């Protein structure tokens, strides 16, 4: 959100970038990250999380789970 207009951004503003990452890497090679605390200049953590949920709504439940946690568990061997 820090690269968007801090006062007027919407999830739709970042969706093209999320869609591009999904096209290039697929949902099993992406990890959710908020850039907290930097994001606080433009959005709360909750707003960033909600925007991610909106932009990833087209994925199935397994793909969303991968982006929001399963991929991190595998990559970081948690």
Protein backbone atom coordinates (compact mmCIF):
# COMPACT_ATOMS: atom_id res chain seq x y z
CA UNK A 1 0.00 0.00 0.00
CA UNK A 2 2.97 2.28 0.49
CA UNK A 3 3.47 2.41 -3.28
CA UNK A 4 -0.16 3.39 -3.90
CA UNK A 5 -1.80 6.72 -3.06
CA UNK A 6 -1.75 6.58 0.74
CA UNK A 7 -5.04 8.40 1.16
CA UNK A 8 -7.15 6.82 -1.57
CA UNK A 9 -5.83 3.33 -2.37
CA UNK A 10 -8.26 0.44 -2.78
CA UNK A 11 -7.63 -3.31 -3.11
CA UNK A 12 -8.42 -2.99 -6.81
CA UNK A 13 -5.35 -0.74 -7.18
CA UNK A 14 -2.96 -3.56 -6.22
CA UNK A 15 -4.87 -6.42 -7.83
CA UNK A 16 -3.08 -6.16 -11.22
CA UNK A 17 0.25 -6.68 -9.44
CA UNK A 18 -1.06 -9.62 -7.43
CA UNK A 19 -2.55 -11.13 -10.59
CA UNK A 20 0.77 -10.76 -12.39
CA UNK A 21 2.63 -12.51 -9.55
CA UNK A 22 0.05 -15.30 -9.62
CA UNK A 23 0.44 -15.65 -13.41
CA UNK A 24 4.22 -15.77 -13.22
CA UNK A 25 4.74 -17.84 -10.06
CA UNK A 26 1.42 -19.48 -9.22
CA UNK A 27 -0.19 -19.62 -5.77
CA UNK A 28 2.17 -22.30 -4.47
CA UNK A 29 5.21 -20.03 -4.78
CA UNK A 30 3.79 -16.88 -3.15
CA UNK A 31 3.84 -15.84 0.51
CA UNK A 32 1.63 -13.18 2.09
CA UNK A 33 3.56 -10.31 3.62
CA UNK A 34 2.26 -7.02 4.99
CA UNK A 35 5.48 -4.94 5.13
CA UNK A 36 4.39 -3.97 8.64
CA UNK A 37 5.25 -1.51 10.19
CA UNK A 38 6.00 0.40 6.96
CA UNK A 39 2.43 -0.15 5.75
CA UNK A 40 1.17 1.98 8.63
CA UNK A 41 1.82 5.14 6.60
CA UNK A 42 -0.99 4.04 4.27
CA UNK A 43 -3.01 1.33 6.00
CA UNK A 44 -3.43 -0.69 9.15
CA UNK A 45 -2.31 -4.30 9.21
CA UNK A 46 -5.98 -5.32 9.09
CA UNK A 47 -6.58 -3.23 5.98
CA UNK A 48 -3.58 -4.81 4.26
CA UNK A 49 -4.81 -8.27 5.22
CA UNK A 50 -8.31 -7.47 3.98
CA UNK A 51 -6.89 -6.19 0.68
CA UNK A 52 -4.94 -9.43 0.28
CA UNK A 53 -8.07 -11.44 0.95
CA UNK A 54 -9.98 -9.43 -1.67
CA UNK A 55 -7.26 -9.73 -4.31
CA UNK A 56 -6.90 -13.49 -3.72
CA UNK A 57 -10.63 -14.22 -3.59
CA UNK A 58 -10.51 -15.96 -6.98
CA UNK A 59 -8.23 -18.70 -5.67
CA UNK A 60 -9.64 -21.92 -4.29
CA UNK A 61 -9.36 -22.59 -0.55
CA UNK A 62 -6.17 -24.70 -0.85
CA UNK A 63 -4.46 -22.01 -2.93
CA UNK A 64 -5.43 -19.26 -0.48
CA UNK A 65 -4.23 -21.37 2.44
CA UNK A 66 -0.93 -21.85 0.63
CA UNK A 67 -0.38 -18.11 0.15
CA UNK A 68 -1.44 -17.24 3.69
CA UNK A 69 0.55 -19.90 5.50
CA UNK A 70 1.22 -23.34 4.05
CA UNK A 71 3.92 -22.07 1.68
CA UNK A 72 5.71 -20.30 4.55
CA UNK A 73 5.59 -23.46 6.66
CA UNK A 74 7.26 -25.38 3.84
CA UNK A 75 9.80 -22.72 2.84
CA UNK A 76 10.92 -21.97 6.39
CA UNK A 77 10.56 -25.61 7.53
CA UNK A 78 8.38 -24.60 10.44
